[in-house]
């Protein structure tokens, strides 16, 4: 059986974005419809719609933390508060490793330009930066879900 990290990297290399790759790795464990989850997370890659804001791997993890919290708590206010706290905790841990949650700061190229895409490919940033963010997001999420 493949690990979540393996599933996520394979998903990313097959063409899913960073958010989808994190979400896809939890579909079986969280018992949710993988296709629906991939549809929901589709716009979150590239720092949310290639705006290069919050890293897609992080937003994918936020979604997983939300699903986890909603399965644990029935009260909607409690779900919201616990989820917000989990996202804040995740963000602190991710920043401690990566230095930022901001996609543009992480990959240091503009994904809305041809030159940015050229540099992304030349420097293999999807593997050296994006895949590391995906793996870090899963490791942090696993630590939080299992604590």
C-alpha atoms as a PDB file:
ATOM      1  CA  UNK A   1       0.000   0.000   0.000  1.00  0.00           C
ATOM      2  CA  UNK A   2       1.334   3.405  -0.961  1.00  0.00           C
ATOM      3  CA  UNK A   3       1.963   6.106   1.608  1.00  0.00           C
ATOM      4  CA  UNK A   4       0.171   9.433   1.458  1.00  0.00           C
ATOM      5  CA  UNK A   5       3.434  11.054   0.408  1.00  0.00           C
ATOM      6  CA  UNK A   6       3.802   8.639  -2.519  1.00  0.00           C
ATOM      7  CA  UNK A   7       0.198   9.131  -3.585  1.00  0.00           C
ATOM      8  CA  UNK A   8       0.563  12.901  -3.425  1.00  0.00           C
ATOM      9  CA  UNK A   9       3.796  13.062  -5.432  1.00  0.00           C
ATOM     10  CA  UNK A  10       2.475  10.625  -8.040  1.00  0.00           C
ATOM     11  CA  UNK A  11      -0.729  12.658  -8.283  1.00  0.00           C
ATOM     12  CA  UNK A  12       1.244  15.878  -8.701  1.00  0.00           C
ATOM     13  CA  UNK A  13       3.517  14.385 -11.345  1.00  0.00           C
ATOM     14  CA  UNK A  14       0.467  13.045 -13.204  1.00  0.00           C
ATOM     15  CA  UNK A  15      -0.896  16.565 -13.637  1.00  0.00           C
ATOM     16  CA  UNK A  16      -2.911  17.343 -10.526  1.00  0.00           C
ATOM     17  CA  UNK A  17      -2.102  20.632  -8.856  1.00  0.00           C
ATOM     18  CA  UNK A  18      -0.517  20.887  -5.414  1.00  0.00           C
ATOM     19  CA  UNK A  19      -3.813  21.311  -3.538  1.00  0.00           C
ATOM     20  CA  UNK A  20      -5.421  18.405  -5.385  1.00  0.00           C
ATOM     21  CA  UNK A  21      -2.395  16.220  -4.700  1.00  0.00           C
ATOM     22  CA  UNK A  22      -2.646  16.722  -0.946  1.00  0.00           C
ATOM     23  CA  UNK A  23      -6.422  16.208  -0.960  1.00  0.00           C
ATOM     24  CA  UNK A  24      -6.175  13.096  -3.171  1.00  0.00           C
ATOM     25  CA  UNK A  25      -3.810  11.431  -0.735  1.00  0.00           C
ATOM     26  CA  UNK A  26      -6.511  11.495   1.965  1.00  0.00           C
ATOM     27  CA  UNK A  27      -9.539  10.381  -0.075  1.00  0.00           C
ATOM     28  CA  UNK A  28      -9.534   6.766   1.113  1.00  0.00           C
ATOM     29  CA  UNK A  29      -8.725   7.469   4.755  1.00  0.00           C
ATOM     30  CA  UNK A  30     -11.279  10.271   5.037  1.00  0.00           C
ATOM     31  CA  UNK A  31     -13.837   8.280   3.043  1.00  0.00           C
ATOM     32  CA  UNK A  32     -14.846  11.080   0.699  1.00  0.00           C
ATOM     33  CA  UNK A  33     -15.545  11.098  -3.002  1.00  0.00           C
ATOM     34  CA  UNK A  34     -12.157  11.587  -4.664  1.00  0.00           C
ATOM     35  CA  UNK A  35     -13.598  13.109  -7.856  1.00  0.00           C
ATOM     36  CA  UNK A  36     -15.659  15.634  -5.930  1.00  0.00           C
ATOM     37  CA  UNK A  37     -12.655  16.511  -3.762  1.00  0.00           C
ATOM     38  CA  UNK A  38     -10.484  16.998  -6.859  1.00  0.00           C
ATOM     39  CA  UNK A  39     -13.154  19.233  -8.359  1.00  0.00           C
ATOM     40  CA  UNK A  40     -13.414  21.326  -5.202  1.00  0.00           C
ATOM     41  CA  UNK A  41      -9.639  21.690  -4.862  1.00  0.00           C
ATOM     42  CA  UNK A  42      -9.016  22.289  -8.582  1.00  0.00           C
ATOM     43  CA  UNK A  43      -8.852  26.077  -8.345  1.00  0.00           C
ATOM     44  CA  UNK A  44      -6.476  26.159  -5.400  1.00  0.00           C
ATOM     45  CA  UNK A  45      -3.247  25.273  -7.228  1.00  0.00           C
ATOM     46  CA  UNK A  46      -0.618  27.865  -8.000  1.00  0.00           C
ATOM     47  CA  UNK A  47      -1.393  29.745  -4.833  1.00  0.00           C
ATOM     48  CA  UNK A  48      -5.137  29.786  -5.541  1.00  0.00           C
ATOM     49  CA  UNK A  49      -5.912  30.115  -9.210  1.00  0.00           C
ATOM     50  CA  UNK A  50      -2.296  30.830 -10.094  1.00  0.00           C
ATOM     51  CA  UNK A  51      -2.544  34.095  -8.141  1.00  0.00           C
ATOM     52  CA  UNK A  52       0.458  32.847  -6.162  1.00  0.00           C
ATOM     53  CA  UNK A  53      -1.029  33.701  -2.807  1.00  0.00           C
ATOM     54  CA  UNK A  54      -1.396  30.889  -0.231  1.00  0.00           C
ATOM     55  CA  UNK A  55       0.497  27.763  -1.298  1.00  0.00           C
ATOM     56  CA  UNK A  56      -1.816  25.148  -2.794  1.00  0.00           C
ATOM     57  CA  UNK A  57      -0.254  22.371  -0.724  1.00  0.00           C
ATOM     58  CA  UNK A  58      -1.205  24.350   2.381  1.00  0.00           C
ATOM     59  CA  UNK A  59      -4.745  25.048   1.170  1.00  0.00           C
ATOM     60  CA  UNK A  60      -5.139  21.347   0.386  1.00  0.00           C
ATOM     61  CA  UNK A  61      -4.071  20.594   3.960  1.00  0.00           C
ATOM     62  CA  UNK A  62      -6.550  23.196   5.237  1.00  0.00           C
ATOM     63  CA  UNK A  63      -9.317  21.307   3.431  1.00  0.00           C
ATOM     64  CA  UNK A  64      -8.245  18.014   5.004  1.00  0.00           C
ATOM     65  CA  UNK A  65      -8.100  19.568   8.461  1.00  0.00           C
ATOM     66  CA  UNK A  66     -11.617  20.907   7.887  1.00  0.00           C
ATOM     67  CA  UNK A  67     -12.957  17.509   6.845  1.00  0.00           C
ATOM     68  CA  UNK A  68     -11.295  15.913   9.871  1.00  0.00           C
ATOM     69  CA  UNK A  69     -12.739  18.498  12.266  1.00  0.00           C
ATOM     70  CA  UNK A  70     -16.229  18.269  10.817  1.00  0.00           C
ATOM     71  CA  UNK A  71     -16.217  14.514  11.347  1.00  0.00           C
ATOM     72  CA  UNK A  72     -15.268  14.980  15.016  1.00  0.00           C
ATOM     73  CA  UNK A  73     -17.664  17.750  16.032  1.00  0.00           C
ATOM     74  CA  UNK A  74     -21.373  18.077  15.344  1.00  0.00           C
ATOM     75  CA  UNK A  75     -21.832  21.687  16.463  1.00  0.00           C
ATOM     76  CA  UNK A  76     -21.141  24.058  13.573  1.00  0.00           C
ATOM     77  CA  UNK A  77     -19.703  26.825  15.729  1.00  0.00           C
ATOM     78  CA  UNK A  78     -17.348  24.372  17.405  1.00  0.00           C
ATOM     79  CA  UNK A  79     -16.358  22.928  13.999  1.00  0.00           C
ATOM     80  CA  UNK A  80     -15.500  26.383  12.739  1.00  0.00           C
ATOM     81  CA  UNK A  81     -13.487  27.419  15.784  1.00  0.00           C
ATOM     82  CA  UNK A  82     -11.539  24.153  15.973  1.00  0.00           C
ATOM     83  CA  UNK A  83     -10.859  24.259  12.218  1.00  0.00           C
ATOM     84  CA  UNK A  84      -9.614  27.854  12.384  1.00  0.00           C
ATOM     85  CA  UNK A  85      -7.292  26.921  15.258  1.00  0.00           C
ATOM     86  CA  UNK A  86      -5.993  23.906  13.318  1.00  0.00           C
ATOM     87  CA  UNK A  87      -5.323  26.016  10.225  1.00  0.00           C
ATOM     88  CA  UNK A  88      -3.462  28.566  12.330  1.00  0.00           C
ATOM     89  CA  UNK A  89      -1.378  25.811  13.923  1.00  0.00           C
ATOM     90  CA  UNK A  90      -0.652  24.249  10.526  1.00  0.00           C
ATOM     91  CA  UNK A  91       0.366  27.650   9.151  1.00  0.00           C
ATOM     92  CA  UNK A  92       2.841  28.230  11.977  1.00  0.00           C
ATOM     93  CA  UNK A  93       4.416  24.817  11.419  1.00  0.00           C
ATOM     94  CA  UNK A  94       4.565  25.229   7.629  1.00  0.00           C
ATOM     95  CA  UNK A  95       6.140  28.695   7.962  1.00  0.00           C
ATOM     96  CA  UNK A  96       8.703  27.285  10.402  1.00  0.00           C
ATOM     97  CA  UNK A  97       9.833  24.858   7.685  1.00  0.00           C
ATOM     98  CA  UNK A  98       9.322  26.863   4.484  1.00  0.00           C
ATOM     99  CA  UNK A  99       9.608  30.433   5.774  1.00  0.00           C
ATOM    100  CA  UNK A 100       6.313  31.482   4.180  1.00  0.00           C
ATOM    101  CA  UNK A 101       2.919  30.305   2.998  1.00  0.00           C
ATOM    102  CA  UNK A 102       3.094  32.536  -0.075  1.00  0.00           C
ATOM    103  CA  UNK A 103       3.509  30.656  -3.369  1.00  0.00           C
ATOM    104  CA  UNK A 104       5.305  33.545  -5.106  1.00  0.00           C
ATOM    105  CA  UNK A 105       7.835  33.771  -2.282  1.00  0.00           C
ATOM    106  CA  UNK A 106       8.317  30.009  -2.307  1.00  0.00           C
ATOM    107  CA  UNK A 107       9.035  29.558  -6.024  1.00  0.00           C
ATOM    108  CA  UNK A 108      10.322  33.066  -6.792  1.00  0.00           C
ATOM    109  CA  UNK A 109       8.868  33.227 -10.318  1.00  0.00           C
ATOM    110  CA  UNK A 110       5.717  34.777 -11.768  1.00  0.00           C
ATOM    111  CA  UNK A 111       3.483  31.943 -12.921  1.00  0.00           C
ATOM    112  CA  UNK A 112       1.375  34.336 -14.978  1.00  0.00           C
ATOM    113  CA  UNK A 113       4.205  34.910 -17.454  1.00  0.00           C
ATOM    114  CA  UNK A 114       5.836  32.751 -20.106  1.00  0.00           C
ATOM    115  CA  UNK A 115       9.241  33.616 -18.655  1.00  0.00           C
ATOM    116  CA  UNK A 116       8.082  32.425 -15.227  1.00  0.00           C
ATOM    117  CA  UNK A 117       6.992  29.084 -16.681  1.00  0.00           C
ATOM    118  CA  UNK A 118      10.285  28.773 -18.548  1.00  0.00           C
ATOM    119  CA  UNK A 119      12.278  29.383 -15.366  1.00  0.00           C
ATOM    120  CA  UNK A 120       9.995  27.006 -13.442  1.00  0.00           C
ATOM    121  CA  UNK A 121      10.884  24.231 -15.909  1.00  0.00           C
ATOM    122  CA  UNK A 122      14.573  25.125 -16.320  1.00  0.00           C
ATOM    123  CA  UNK A 123      15.190  25.160 -12.581  1.00  0.00           C
ATOM    124  CA  UNK A 124      12.901  22.160 -11.966  1.00  0.00           C
ATOM    125  CA  UNK A 125      11.063  24.156  -9.301  1.00  0.00           C
ATOM    126  CA  UNK A 126       8.010  21.908  -9.321  1.00  0.00           C
ATOM    127  CA  UNK A 127      10.189  19.098  -7.988  1.00  0.00           C
ATOM    128  CA  UNK A 128      12.588  21.049  -5.781  1.00  0.00           C
ATOM    129  CA  UNK A 129      10.047  23.455  -4.272  1.00  0.00           C
ATOM    130  CA  UNK A 130       6.458  22.366  -4.952  1.00  0.00           C
ATOM    131  CA  UNK A 131       6.946  18.676  -4.170  1.00  0.00           C
ATOM    132  CA  UNK A 132       8.748  19.574  -0.962  1.00  0.00           C
ATOM    133  CA  UNK A 133       5.818  21.803   0.027  1.00  0.00           C
ATOM    134  CA  UNK A 134       3.407  18.952  -0.714  1.00  0.00           C
ATOM    135  CA  UNK A 135       5.444  16.525   1.389  1.00  0.00           C
ATOM    136  CA  UNK A 136       5.790  19.023   4.234  1.00  0.00           C
ATOM    137  CA  UNK A 137       2.046  19.709   4.132  1.00  0.00           C
ATOM    138  CA  UNK A 138       1.268  16.006   4.434  1.00  0.00           C
ATOM    139  CA  UNK A 139       3.792  15.447   7.218  1.00  0.00           C
ATOM    140  CA  UNK A 140       2.407  18.362   9.239  1.00  0.00           C
ATOM    141  CA  UNK A 141      -1.177  17.263   8.609  1.00  0.00           C
ATOM    142  CA  UNK A 142      -0.373  13.707   9.666  1.00  0.00           C
ATOM    143  CA  UNK A 143       1.281  14.954  12.848  1.00  0.00           C
ATOM    144  CA  UNK A 144      -1.763  17.075  13.645  1.00  0.00           C
ATOM    145  CA  UNK A 145      -4.322  14.385  12.847  1.00  0.00           C
ATOM    146  CA  UNK A 146      -2.500  11.812  14.947  1.00  0.00           C
ATOM    147  CA  UNK A 147      -1.836  13.958  18.007  1.00  0.00           C
END
